[in-house]
Amino acid sequence: MQIELKILVAGFLFCGLIFGACQRKSEKTIDRFTEEELTELIVDISIARAAVAPLPHDKADSVRNVYYEQIAEIRGIEVSEINTILEELSREPDRLRFHFQQAADSIRARN
């Protein structure tokens, strides 16, 4: 009887450890980057979007995808991470606004 109880307790502890490890994995993608890196990524995205703005919609999507692939390669990330970063930032409007303002300032300073 005592052995069964020990096995049951050990099983619960093991499940708790596994569950806890899975929960820590849910770190946001944006938290892996510095604020400066996020701003520079927004600069790249903004420039890419401005470059494709005059193109017809169907062509703009294809060209934007190529630009995103180049941005991802340069930044050492996956294209899917770019989309995830944009989604995560959109859930934090103040932070998103901050990065777009910083990006706009950076682009103006380059001209």
PDB file of N, CA and C in Angstrom:
ATOM      1  N   MET A   1       0.814  -1.190   0.000  1.00  0.00           N
ATOM      2  CA  MET A   1       0.000   0.000   0.000  1.00  0.00           C
ATOM      3  C   MET A   1       0.862   1.260   0.000  1.00  0.00           C
ATOM      4  N   GLN A   2       1.909   1.277   0.821  1.00  0.00           N
ATOM      5  CA  GLN A   2       2.779   2.440   0.891  1.00  0.00           C
ATOM      6  C   GLN A   2       3.530   2.652  -0.423  1.00  0.00           C
ATOM      7  N   ILE A   3       3.914   1.608  -1.086  1.00  0.00           N
ATOM      8  CA  ILE A   3       4.628   1.693  -2.355  1.00  0.00           C
ATOM      9  C   ILE A   3       3.725   2.317  -3.411  1.00  0.00           C
ATOM     10  N   GLU A   4       2.443   1.905  -3.434  1.00  0.00           N
ATOM     11  CA  GLU A   4       1.496   2.472  -4.384  1.00  0.00           C
ATOM     12  C   GLU A   4       1.323   3.976  -4.151  1.00  0.00           C
ATOM     13  N   LEU A   5       1.273   4.384  -2.899  1.00  0.00           N
ATOM     14  CA  LEU A   5       1.134   5.801  -2.560  1.00  0.00           C
ATOM     15  C   LEU A   5       2.365   6.577  -3.005  1.00  0.00           C
ATOM     16  N   LYS A   6       3.532   6.009  -2.810  1.00  0.00           N
ATOM     17  CA  LYS A   6       4.777   6.661  -3.239  1.00  0.00           C
ATOM     18  C   LYS A   6       4.813   6.800  -4.757  1.00  0.00           C
ATOM     19  N   ILE A   7       4.377   5.764  -5.457  1.00  0.00           N
ATOM     20  CA  ILE A   7       4.351   5.816  -6.919  1.00  0.00           C
ATOM     21  C   ILE A   7       3.359   6.877  -7.382  1.00  0.00           C
ATOM     22  N   LEU A   8       2.202   6.951  -6.728  1.00  0.00           N
ATOM     23  CA  LEU A   8       1.193   7.937  -7.072  1.00  0.00           C
ATOM     24  C   LEU A   8       1.715   9.362  -6.842  1.00  0.00           C
ATOM     25  N   VAL A   9       2.349   9.599  -5.713  1.00  0.00           N
ATOM     26  CA  VAL A   9       2.922  10.916  -5.401  1.00  0.00           C
ATOM     27  C   VAL A   9       4.026  11.256  -6.399  1.00  0.00           C
ATOM     28  N   ALA A  10       4.866  10.294  -6.698  1.00  0.00           N
ATOM     29  CA  ALA A  10       5.943  10.522  -7.665  1.00  0.00           C
ATOM     30  C   ALA A  10       5.368  10.855  -9.035  1.00  0.00           C
ATOM     31  N   GLY A  11       4.292  10.175  -9.407  1.00  0.00           N
ATOM     32  CA  GLY A  11       3.632  10.459 -10.683  1.00  0.00           C
ATOM     33  C   GLY A  11       3.094  11.876 -10.736  1.00  0.00           C
ATOM     34  N   PHE A  12       2.449  12.327  -9.660  1.00  0.00           N
ATOM     35  CA  PHE A  12       1.942  13.700  -9.604  1.00  0.00           C
ATOM     36  C   PHE A  12       3.075  14.719  -9.664  1.00  0.00           C
ATOM     37  N   LEU A  13       4.154  14.442  -8.954  1.00  0.00           N
ATOM     38  CA  LEU A  13       5.300  15.352  -8.983  1.00  0.00           C
ATOM     39  C   LEU A  13       5.900  15.431 -10.386  1.00  0.00           C
ATOM     40  N   PHE A  14       6.027  14.277 -11.031  1.00  0.00           N
ATOM     41  CA  PHE A  14       6.563  14.241 -12.385  1.00  0.00           C
ATOM     42  C   PHE A  14       5.678  15.041 -13.342  1.00  0.00           C
ATOM     43  N   CYS A  15       4.364  14.834 -13.255  1.00  0.00           N
ATOM     44  CA  CYS A  15       3.428  15.588 -14.101  1.00  0.00           C
ATOM     45  C   CYS A  15       3.537  17.090 -13.836  1.00  0.00           C
ATOM     46  N   GLY A  16       3.686  17.458 -12.577  1.00  0.00           N
ATOM     47  CA  GLY A  16       3.844  18.867 -12.226  1.00  0.00           C
ATOM     48  C   GLY A  16       5.105  19.467 -12.824  1.00  0.00           C
ATOM     49  N   LEU A  17       6.194  18.712 -12.788  1.00  0.00           N
ATOM     50  CA  LEU A  17       7.445  19.186 -13.373  1.00  0.00           C
ATOM     51  C   LEU A  17       7.319  19.360 -14.880  1.00  0.00           C
ATOM     52  N   ILE A  18       6.709  18.394 -15.536  1.00  0.00           N
ATOM     53  CA  ILE A  18       6.516  18.478 -16.985  1.00  0.00           C
ATOM     54  C   ILE A  18       5.628  19.660 -17.327  1.00  0.00           C
ATOM     55  N   PHE A  19       4.536  19.828 -16.606  1.00  0.00           N
ATOM     56  CA  PHE A  19       3.622  20.934 -16.855  1.00  0.00           C
ATOM     57  C   PHE A  19       4.324  22.276 -16.631  1.00  0.00           C
ATOM     58  N   GLY A  20       5.103  22.375 -15.570  1.00  0.00           N
ATOM     59  CA  GLY A  20       5.842  23.607 -15.284  1.00  0.00           C
ATOM     60  C   GLY A  20       6.861  23.928 -16.361  1.00  0.00           C
ATOM     61  N   ALA A  21       7.534  22.914 -16.873  1.00  0.00           N
ATOM     62  CA  ALA A  21       8.514  23.132 -17.937  1.00  0.00           C
ATOM     63  C   ALA A  21       7.828  23.615 -19.201  1.00  0.00           C
ATOM     64  N   CYS A  22       6.653  23.078 -19.486  1.00  0.00           N
ATOM     65  CA  CYS A  22       5.919  23.520 -20.678  1.00  0.00           C
ATOM     66  C   CYS A  22       5.449  24.956 -20.531  1.00  0.00           C
ATOM     67  N   GLN A  23       5.077  25.353 -19.357  1.00  0.00           N
ATOM     68  CA  GLN A  23       4.605  26.710 -19.130  1.00  0.00           C
ATOM     69  C   GLN A  23       5.724  27.726 -19.341  1.00  0.00           C
ATOM     70  N   ARG A  24       6.939  27.424 -18.930  1.00  0.00           N
ATOM     71  CA  ARG A  24       8.054  28.353 -19.097  1.00  0.00           C
ATOM     72  C   ARG A  24       8.404  28.542 -20.562  1.00  0.00           C
ATOM     73  N   LYS A  25       8.078  27.580 -21.396  1.00  0.00           N
ATOM     74  CA  LYS A  25       8.384  27.643 -22.818  1.00  0.00           C
ATOM     75  C   LYS A  25       7.565  28.722 -23.528  1.00  0.00           C
ATOM     76  N   SER A  26       6.523  29.224 -22.899  1.00  0.00           N
ATOM     77  CA  SER A  26       5.623  30.174 -23.541  1.00  0.00           C
ATOM     78  C   SER A  26       6.160  31.611 -23.521  1.00  0.00           C
ATOM     79  N   GLU A  27       7.469  31.769 -23.440  1.00  0.00           N
ATOM     80  CA  GLU A  27       8.077  33.086 -23.494  1.00  0.00           C
ATOM     81  C   GLU A  27       7.720  33.750 -24.826  1.00  0.00           C
ATOM     82  N   LYS A  28       7.432  35.042 -24.760  1.00  0.00           N
ATOM     83  CA  LYS A  28       7.106  35.775 -25.978  1.00  0.00           C
ATOM     84  C   LYS A  28       8.346  35.900 -26.861  1.00  0.00           C
ATOM     85  N   THR A  29       8.112  35.865 -28.151  1.00  0.00           N
ATOM     86  CA  THR A  29       9.203  36.026 -29.111  1.00  0.00           C
ATOM     87  C   THR A  29       9.845  37.399 -28.947  1.00  0.00           C
ATOM     88  N   ILE A  30       9.036  38.449 -28.728  1.00  0.00           N
ATOM     89  CA  ILE A  30       9.595  39.804 -28.620  1.00  0.00           C
ATOM     90  C   ILE A  30      10.515  39.959 -27.424  1.00  0.00           C
ATOM     91  N   ASP A  31      10.345  39.112 -26.408  1.00  0.00           N
ATOM     92  CA  ASP A  31      11.194  39.213 -25.219  1.00  0.00           C
ATOM     93  C   ASP A  31      12.606  38.696 -25.458  1.00  0.00           C
ATOM     94  N   ARG A  32      12.823  38.049 -26.585  1.00  0.00           N
ATOM     95  CA  ARG A  32      14.169  37.558 -26.917  1.00  0.00           C
ATOM     96  C   ARG A  32      15.025  38.621 -27.595  1.00  0.00           C
ATOM     97  N   PHE A  33      14.428  39.779 -27.873  1.00  0.00           N
ATOM     98  CA  PHE A  33      15.119  40.846 -28.590  1.00  0.00           C
ATOM     99  C   PHE A  33      15.210  42.091 -27.725  1.00  0.00           C
ATOM    100  N   THR A  34      16.280  42.865 -27.928  1.00  0.00           N
ATOM    101  CA  THR A  34      16.385  44.144 -27.229  1.00  0.00           C
ATOM    102  C   THR A  34      15.423  45.134 -27.875  1.00  0.00           C
ATOM    103  N   GLU A  35      15.162  46.205 -27.181  1.00  0.00           N
ATOM    104  CA  GLU A  35      14.284  47.239 -27.736  1.00  0.00           C
ATOM    105  C   GLU A  35      14.895  47.819 -29.014  1.00  0.00           C
ATOM    106  N   GLU A  36      16.206  47.961 -29.041  1.00  0.00           N
ATOM    107  CA  GLU A  36      16.885  48.489 -30.229  1.00  0.00           C
ATOM    108  C   GLU A  36      16.741  47.536 -31.413  1.00  0.00           C
ATOM    109  N   GLU A  37      16.869  46.243 -31.143  1.00  0.00           N
ATOM    110  CA  GLU A  37      16.710  45.260 -32.222  1.00  0.00           C
ATOM    111  C   GLU A  37      15.286  45.284 -32.772  1.00  0.00           C
ATOM    112  N   LEU A  38      14.301  45.427 -31.881  1.00  0.00           N
ATOM    113  CA  LEU A  38      12.911  45.504 -32.338  1.00  0.00           C
ATOM    114  C   LEU A  38      12.687  46.751 -33.182  1.00  0.00           C
ATOM    115  N   THR A  39      13.251  47.873 -32.750  1.00  0.00           N
ATOM    116  CA  THR A  39      13.102  49.108 -33.516  1.00  0.00           C
ATOM    117  C   THR A  39      13.743  48.963 -34.892  1.00  0.00           C
ATOM    118  N   GLU A  40      14.936  48.395 -34.955  1.00  0.00           N
ATOM    119  CA  GLU A  40      15.603  48.225 -36.249  1.00  0.00           C
ATOM    120  C   GLU A  40      14.828  47.265 -37.149  1.00  0.00           C
ATOM    121  N   LEU A  41      14.220  46.257 -36.564  1.00  0.00           N
ATOM    122  CA  LEU A  41      13.375  45.358 -37.352  1.00  0.00           C
ATOM    123  C   LEU A  41      12.174  46.121 -37.907  1.00  0.00           C
ATOM    124  N   ILE A  42      11.572  46.976 -37.103  1.00  0.00           N
ATOM    125  CA  ILE A  42      10.443  47.792 -37.566  1.00  0.00           C
ATOM    126  C   ILE A  42      10.900  48.749 -38.665  1.00  0.00           C
ATOM    127  N   VAL A  43      12.117  49.275 -38.562  1.00  0.00           N
ATOM    128  CA  VAL A  43      12.670  50.123 -39.635  1.00  0.00           C
ATOM    129  C   VAL A  43      12.703  49.329 -40.937  1.00  0.00           C
ATOM    130  N   ASP A  44      13.265  48.122 -40.874  1.00  0.00           N
ATOM    131  CA  ASP A  44      13.354  47.281 -42.076  1.00  0.00           C
ATOM    132  C   ASP A  44      11.976  46.981 -42.650  1.00  0.00           C
ATOM    133  N   ILE A  45      11.045  46.626 -41.786  1.00  0.00           N
ATOM    134  CA  ILE A  45       9.686  46.304 -42.231  1.00  0.00           C
ATOM    135  C   ILE A  45       9.021  47.526 -42.852  1.00  0.00           C
ATOM    136  N   SER A  46       9.191  48.678 -42.226  1.00  0.00           N
ATOM    137  CA  SER A  46       8.582  49.909 -42.734  1.00  0.00           C
ATOM    138  C   SER A  46       9.120  50.273 -44.112  1.00  0.00           C
ATOM    139  N   ILE A  47      10.417  50.131 -44.280  1.00  0.00           N
ATOM    140  CA  ILE A  47      11.036  50.434 -45.580  1.00  0.00           C
ATOM    141  C   ILE A  47      10.531  49.447 -46.634  1.00  0.00           C
ATOM    142  N   ALA A  48      10.443  48.177 -46.274  1.00  0.00           N
ATOM    143  CA  ALA A  48       9.946  47.157 -47.217  1.00  0.00           C
ATOM    144  C   ALA A  48       8.501  47.452 -47.607  1.00  0.00           C
ATOM    145  N   ARG A  49       7.684  47.815 -46.642  1.00  0.00           N
ATOM    146  CA  ARG A  49       6.277  48.107 -46.941  1.00  0.00           C
ATOM    147  C   ARG A  49       6.152  49.355 -47.812  1.00  0.00           C
ATOM    148  N   ALA A  50       6.973  50.352 -47.546  1.00  0.00           N
ATOM    149  CA  ALA A  50       6.931  51.569 -48.366  1.00  0.00           C
ATOM    150  C   ALA A  50       7.369  51.264 -49.798  1.00  0.00           C
ATOM    151  N   ALA A  51       8.331  50.367 -49.941  1.00  0.00           N
ATOM    152  CA  ALA A  51       8.835  50.023 -51.274  1.00  0.00           C
ATOM    153  C   ALA A  51       7.777  49.309 -52.115  1.00  0.00           C
ATOM    154  N   VAL A  52       6.921  48.526 -51.489  1.00  0.00           N
ATOM    155  CA  VAL A  52       5.920  47.778 -52.254  1.00  0.00           C
ATOM    156  C   VAL A  52       4.583  48.502 -52.343  1.00  0.00           C
ATOM    157  N   ALA A  53       4.423  49.603 -51.630  1.00  0.00           N
ATOM    158  CA  ALA A  53       3.140  50.322 -51.611  1.00  0.00           C
ATOM    159  C   ALA A  53       2.629  50.704 -52.999  1.00  0.00           C
ATOM    160  N   PRO A  54       3.487  51.177 -53.913  1.00  0.00           N
ATOM    161  CA  PRO A  54       2.961  51.569 -55.224  1.00  0.00           C
ATOM    162  C   PRO A  54       2.629  50.396 -56.159  1.00  0.00           C
ATOM    163  N   LEU A  55       3.025  49.193 -55.789  1.00  0.00           N
ATOM    164  CA  LEU A  55       2.806  48.023 -56.649  1.00  0.00           C
ATOM    165  C   LEU A  55       1.360  47.535 -56.560  1.00  0.00           C
ATOM    166  N   PRO A  56       0.883  46.874 -57.616  1.00  0.00           N
ATOM    167  CA  PRO A  56      -0.440  46.237 -57.544  1.00  0.00           C
ATOM    168  C   PRO A  56      -0.447  45.204 -56.414  1.00  0.00           C
ATOM    169  N   HIS A  57      -1.616  44.997 -55.813  1.00  0.00           N
ATOM    170  CA  HIS A  57      -1.742  44.148 -54.619  1.00  0.00           C
ATOM    171  C   HIS A  57      -1.112  42.767 -54.788  1.00  0.00           C
ATOM    172  N   ASP A  58      -1.401  42.085 -55.885  1.00  0.00           N
ATOM    173  CA  ASP A  58      -0.872  40.728 -56.059  1.00  0.00           C
ATOM    174  C   ASP A  58       0.648  40.713 -56.173  1.00  0.00           C
ATOM    175  N   LYS A  59       1.203  41.689 -56.842  1.00  0.00           N
ATOM    176  CA  LYS A  59       2.659  41.780 -56.967  1.00  0.00           C
ATOM    177  C   LYS A  59       3.285  42.239 -55.648  1.00  0.00           C
ATOM    178  N   ALA A  60       2.618  43.157 -54.948  1.00  0.00           N
ATOM    179  CA  ALA A  60       3.129  43.677 -53.676  1.00  0.00           C
ATOM    180  C   ALA A  60       3.322  42.556 -52.661  1.00  0.00           C
ATOM    181  N   ASP A  61       2.375  41.638 -52.586  1.00  0.00           N
ATOM    182  CA  ASP A  61       2.497  40.521 -51.646  1.00  0.00           C
ATOM    183  C   ASP A  61       3.729  39.669 -51.933  1.00  0.00           C
ATOM    184  N   SER A  62       3.959  39.380 -53.195  1.00  0.00           N
ATOM    185  CA  SER A  62       5.119  38.557 -53.570  1.00  0.00           C
ATOM    186  C   SER A  62       6.425  39.268 -53.259  1.00  0.00           C
ATOM    187  N   VAL A  63       6.503  40.536 -53.606  1.00  0.00           N
ATOM    188  CA  VAL A  63       7.729  41.303 -53.363  1.00  0.00           C
ATOM    189  C   VAL A  63       7.949  41.484 -51.863  1.00  0.00           C
ATOM    190  N   ARG A  64       6.871  41.745 -51.121  1.00  0.00           N
ATOM    191  CA  ARG A  64       6.987  41.901 -49.667  1.00  0.00           C
ATOM    192  C   ARG A  64       7.530  40.612 -49.053  1.00  0.00           C
ATOM    193  N   ASN A  65       7.058  39.473 -49.511  1.00  0.00           N
ATOM    194  CA  ASN A  65       7.550  38.191 -48.991  1.00  0.00           C
ATOM    195  C   ASN A  65       9.047  38.030 -49.240  1.00  0.00           C
ATOM    196  N   VAL A  66       9.506  38.448 -50.421  1.00  0.00           N
ATOM    197  CA  VAL A  66      10.939  38.382 -50.723  1.00  0.00           C
ATOM    198  C   VAL A  66      11.714  39.304 -49.783  1.00  0.00           C
ATOM    199  N   TYR A  67      11.202  40.517 -49.578  1.00  0.00           N
ATOM    200  CA  TYR A  67      11.853  41.444 -48.656  1.00  0.00           C
ATOM    201  C   TYR A  67      11.905  40.874 -47.241  1.00  0.00           C
ATOM    202  N   TYR A  68      10.793  40.281 -46.787  1.00  0.00           N
ATOM    203  CA  TYR A  68      10.768  39.695 -45.450  1.00  0.00           C
ATOM    204  C   TYR A  68      11.786  38.562 -45.328  1.00  0.00           C
ATOM    205  N   GLU A  69      11.937  37.771 -46.381  1.00  0.00           N
ATOM    206  CA  GLU A  69      12.940  36.699 -46.360  1.00  0.00           C
ATOM    207  C   GLU A  69      14.343  37.281 -46.231  1.00  0.00           C
ATOM    208  N   GLN A  70      14.609  38.377 -46.947  1.00  0.00           N
ATOM    209  CA  GLN A  70      15.917  39.027 -46.854  1.00  0.00           C
ATOM    210  C   GLN A  70      16.133  39.625 -45.462  1.00  0.00           C
ATOM    211  N   ILE A  71      15.112  40.270 -44.936  1.00  0.00           N
ATOM    212  CA  ILE A  71      15.207  40.852 -43.590  1.00  0.00           C
ATOM    213  C   ILE A  71      15.490  39.745 -42.576  1.00  0.00           C
ATOM    214  N   ALA A  72      14.756  38.650 -42.672  1.00  0.00           N
ATOM    215  CA  ALA A  72      14.942  37.537 -41.736  1.00  0.00           C
ATOM    216  C   ALA A  72      16.364  36.979 -41.831  1.00  0.00           C
ATOM    217  N   GLU A  73      16.855  36.832 -43.046  1.00  0.00           N
ATOM    218  CA  GLU A  73      18.217  36.310 -43.226  1.00  0.00           C
ATOM    219  C   GLU A  73      19.247  37.256 -42.609  1.00  0.00           C
ATOM    220  N   ILE A  74      19.107  38.548 -42.868  1.00  0.00           N
ATOM    221  CA  ILE A  74      20.038  39.534 -42.327  1.00  0.00           C
ATOM    222  C   ILE A  74      19.992  39.558 -40.803  1.00  0.00           C
ATOM    223  N   ARG A  75      18.788  39.459 -40.248  1.00  0.00           N
ATOM    224  CA  ARG A  75      18.597  39.526 -38.790  1.00  0.00           C
ATOM    225  C   ARG A  75      18.831  38.192 -38.096  1.00  0.00           C
ATOM    226  N   GLY A  76      19.006  37.126 -38.883  1.00  0.00           N
ATOM    227  CA  GLY A  76      19.255  35.813 -38.289  1.00  0.00           C
ATOM    228  C   GLY A  76      18.023  35.211 -37.625  1.00  0.00           C
ATOM    229  N   ILE A  77      16.852  35.483 -38.202  1.00  0.00           N
ATOM    230  CA  ILE A  77      15.609  34.949 -37.670  1.00  0.00           C
ATOM    231  C   ILE A  77      14.812  34.310 -38.809  1.00  0.00           C
ATOM    232  N   GLU A  78      13.702  33.707 -38.474  1.00  0.00           N
ATOM    233  CA  GLU A  78      12.808  33.122 -39.464  1.00  0.00           C
ATOM    234  C   GLU A  78      11.736  34.143 -39.845  1.00  0.00           C
ATOM    235  N   VAL A  79      11.201  34.037 -41.051  1.00  0.00           N
ATOM    236  CA  VAL A  79      10.125  34.924 -41.488  1.00  0.00           C
ATOM    237  C   VAL A  79       8.929  34.804 -40.548  1.00  0.00           C
ATOM    238  N   SER A  80       8.663  33.594 -40.084  1.00  0.00           N
ATOM    239  CA  SER A  80       7.536  33.396 -39.163  1.00  0.00           C
ATOM    240  C   SER A  80       7.721  34.193 -37.879  1.00  0.00           C
ATOM    241  N   GLU A  81       8.983  34.392 -37.456  1.00  0.00           N
ATOM    242  CA  GLU A  81       9.238  35.191 -36.259  1.00  0.00           C
ATOM    243  C   GLU A  81       8.893  36.658 -36.490  1.00  0.00           C
ATOM    244  N   ILE A  82       9.107  37.148 -37.705  1.00  0.00           N
ATOM    245  CA  ILE A  82       8.730  38.531 -38.020  1.00  0.00           C
ATOM    246  C   ILE A  82       7.238  38.697 -37.812  1.00  0.00           C
ATOM    247  N   ASN A  83       6.462  37.764 -38.346  1.00  0.00           N
ATOM    248  CA  ASN A  83       5.013  37.839 -38.191  1.00  0.00           C
ATOM    249  C   ASN A  83       4.598  37.707 -36.725  1.00  0.00           C
ATOM    250  N   THR A  84       5.262  36.824 -35.999  1.00  0.00           N
ATOM    251  CA  THR A  84       4.960  36.646 -34.579  1.00  0.00           C
ATOM    252  C   THR A  84       5.281  37.914 -33.797  1.00  0.00           C
ATOM    253  N   ILE A  85       6.417  38.532 -34.096  1.00  0.00           N
ATOM    254  CA  ILE A  85       6.803  39.777 -33.429  1.00  0.00           C
ATOM    255  C   ILE A  85       5.754  40.851 -33.671  1.00  0.00           C
ATOM    256  N   LEU A  86       5.313  40.987 -34.915  1.00  0.00           N
ATOM    257  CA  LEU A  86       4.290  41.997 -35.236  1.00  0.00           C
ATOM    258  C   LEU A  86       2.984  41.704 -34.507  1.00  0.00           C
ATOM    259  N   GLU A  87       2.601  40.435 -34.429  1.00  0.00           N
ATOM    260  CA  GLU A  87       1.384  40.059 -33.713  1.00  0.00           C
ATOM    261  C   GLU A  87       1.509  40.366 -32.227  1.00  0.00           C
ATOM    262  N   GLU A  88       2.653  40.005 -31.637  1.00  0.00           N
ATOM    263  CA  GLU A  88       2.849  40.244 -30.212  1.00  0.00           C
ATOM    264  C   GLU A  88       2.878  41.741 -29.903  1.00  0.00           C
ATOM    265  N   LEU A  89       3.552  42.517 -30.747  1.00  0.00           N
ATOM    266  CA  LEU A  89       3.579  43.964 -30.533  1.00  0.00           C
ATOM    267  C   LEU A  89       2.193  44.584 -30.682  1.00  0.00           C
ATOM    268  N   SER A  90       1.380  44.024 -31.573  1.00  0.00           N
ATOM    269  CA  SER A  90       0.041  44.577 -31.763  1.00  0.00           C
ATOM    270  C   SER A  90      -0.829  44.388 -30.520  1.00  0.00           C
ATOM    271  N   ARG A  91      -0.463  43.451 -29.660  1.00  0.00           N
ATOM    272  CA  ARG A  91      -1.184  43.244 -28.400  1.00  0.00           C
ATOM    273  C   ARG A  91      -0.703  44.193 -27.306  1.00  0.00           C
ATOM    274  N   GLU A  92       0.359  44.950 -27.608  1.00  0.00           N
ATOM    275  CA  GLU A  92       0.894  45.936 -26.667  1.00  0.00           C
ATOM    276  C   GLU A  92       0.968  47.279 -27.392  1.00  0.00           C
ATOM    277  N   PRO A  93      -0.183  47.972 -27.539  1.00  0.00           N
ATOM    278  CA  PRO A  93      -0.245  49.185 -28.370  1.00  0.00           C
ATOM    279  C   PRO A  93       0.771  50.265 -27.997  1.00  0.00           C
ATOM    280  N   ASP A  94       1.022  50.468 -26.721  1.00  0.00           N
ATOM    281  CA  ASP A  94       1.992  51.494 -26.324  1.00  0.00           C
ATOM    282  C   ASP A  94       3.399  51.136 -26.785  1.00  0.00           C
ATOM    283  N   ARG A  95       3.747  49.888 -26.629  1.00  0.00           N
ATOM    284  CA  ARG A  95       5.075  49.429 -27.060  1.00  0.00           C
ATOM    285  C   ARG A  95       5.186  49.487 -28.579  1.00  0.00           C
ATOM    286  N   LEU A  96       4.129  49.093 -29.274  1.00  0.00           N
ATOM    287  CA  LEU A  96       4.108  49.164 -30.735  1.00  0.00           C
ATOM    288  C   LEU A  96       4.270  50.602 -31.201  1.00  0.00           C
ATOM    289  N   ARG A  97       3.519  51.501 -30.593  1.00  0.00           N
ATOM    290  CA  ARG A  97       3.602  52.927 -30.935  1.00  0.00           C
ATOM    291  C   ARG A  97       5.011  53.454 -30.692  1.00  0.00           C
ATOM    292  N   PHE A  98       5.623  53.062 -29.585  1.00  0.00           N
ATOM    293  CA  PHE A  98       6.992  53.482 -29.261  1.00  0.00           C
ATOM    294  C   PHE A  98       7.960  53.046 -30.361  1.00  0.00           C
ATOM    295  N   HIS A  99       7.866  51.780 -30.766  1.00  0.00           N
ATOM    296  CA  HIS A  99       8.802  51.268 -31.776  1.00  0.00           C
ATOM    297  C   HIS A  99       8.576  51.904 -33.142  1.00  0.00           C
ATOM    298  N   PHE A 100       7.316  52.154 -33.501  1.00  0.00           N
ATOM    299  CA  PHE A 100       7.064  52.822 -34.777  1.00  0.00           C
ATOM    300  C   PHE A 100       7.559  54.262 -34.740  1.00  0.00           C
ATOM    301  N   GLN A 101       7.435  54.923 -33.598  1.00  0.00           N
ATOM    302  CA  GLN A 101       7.954  56.290 -33.478  1.00  0.00           C
ATOM    303  C   GLN A 101       9.475  56.288 -33.565  1.00  0.00           C
ATOM    304  N   GLN A 102      10.102  55.360 -32.864  1.00  0.00           N
ATOM    305  CA  GLN A 102      11.564  55.247 -32.922  1.00  0.00           C
ATOM    306  C   GLN A 102      12.026  54.925 -34.343  1.00  0.00           C
ATOM    307  N   ALA A 103      11.298  54.051 -35.019  1.00  0.00           N
ATOM    308  CA  ALA A 103      11.649  53.682 -36.395  1.00  0.00           C
ATOM    309  C   ALA A 103      11.508  54.892 -37.315  1.00  0.00           C
ATOM    310  N   ALA A 104      10.419  55.649 -37.161  1.00  0.00           N
ATOM    311  CA  ALA A 104      10.214  56.842 -37.992  1.00  0.00           C
ATOM    312  C   ALA A 104      11.333  57.849 -37.752  1.00  0.00           C
ATOM    313  N   ASP A 105      11.708  58.045 -36.504  1.00  0.00           N
ATOM    314  CA  ASP A 105      12.815  58.955 -36.183  1.00  0.00           C
ATOM    315  C   ASP A 105      14.113  58.487 -36.813  1.00  0.00           C
ATOM    316  N   SER A 106      14.358  57.188 -36.757  1.00  0.00           N
ATOM    317  CA  SER A 106      15.578  56.619 -37.321  1.00  0.00           C
ATOM    318  C   SER A 106      15.609  56.787 -38.836  1.00  0.00           C
ATOM    319  N   ILE A 107      14.481  56.563 -39.495  1.00  0.00           N
ATOM    320  CA  ILE A 107      14.422  56.721 -40.956  1.00  0.00           C
ATOM    321  C   ILE A 107      14.622  58.179 -41.336  1.00  0.00           C
ATOM    322  N   ARG A 108      13.992  59.103 -40.611  1.00  0.00           N
ATOM    323  CA  ARG A 108      14.185  60.539 -40.885  1.00  0.00           C
ATOM    324  C   ARG A 108      15.640  60.959 -40.706  1.00  0.00           C
ATOM    325  N   ALA A 109      16.296  60.413 -39.702  1.00  0.00           N
ATOM    326  CA  ALA A 109      17.696  60.766 -39.437  1.00  0.00           C
ATOM    327  C   ALA A 109      18.630  60.261 -40.542  1.00  0.00           C
ATOM    328  N   ARG A 110      18.228  59.225 -41.254  1.00  0.00           N
ATOM    329  CA  ARG A 110      19.046  58.664 -42.321  1.00  0.00           C
ATOM    330  C   ARG A 110      18.918  59.465 -43.613  1.00  0.00           C
ATOM    331  N   ASN A 111      17.856  60.217 -43.745  1.00  0.00           N
ATOM    332  CA  ASN A 111      17.631  60.967 -45.004  1.00  0.00           C
ATOM    333  C   ASN A 111      18.302  62.295 -44.974  1.00  0.00           C
TER     334      ASN A 111
END
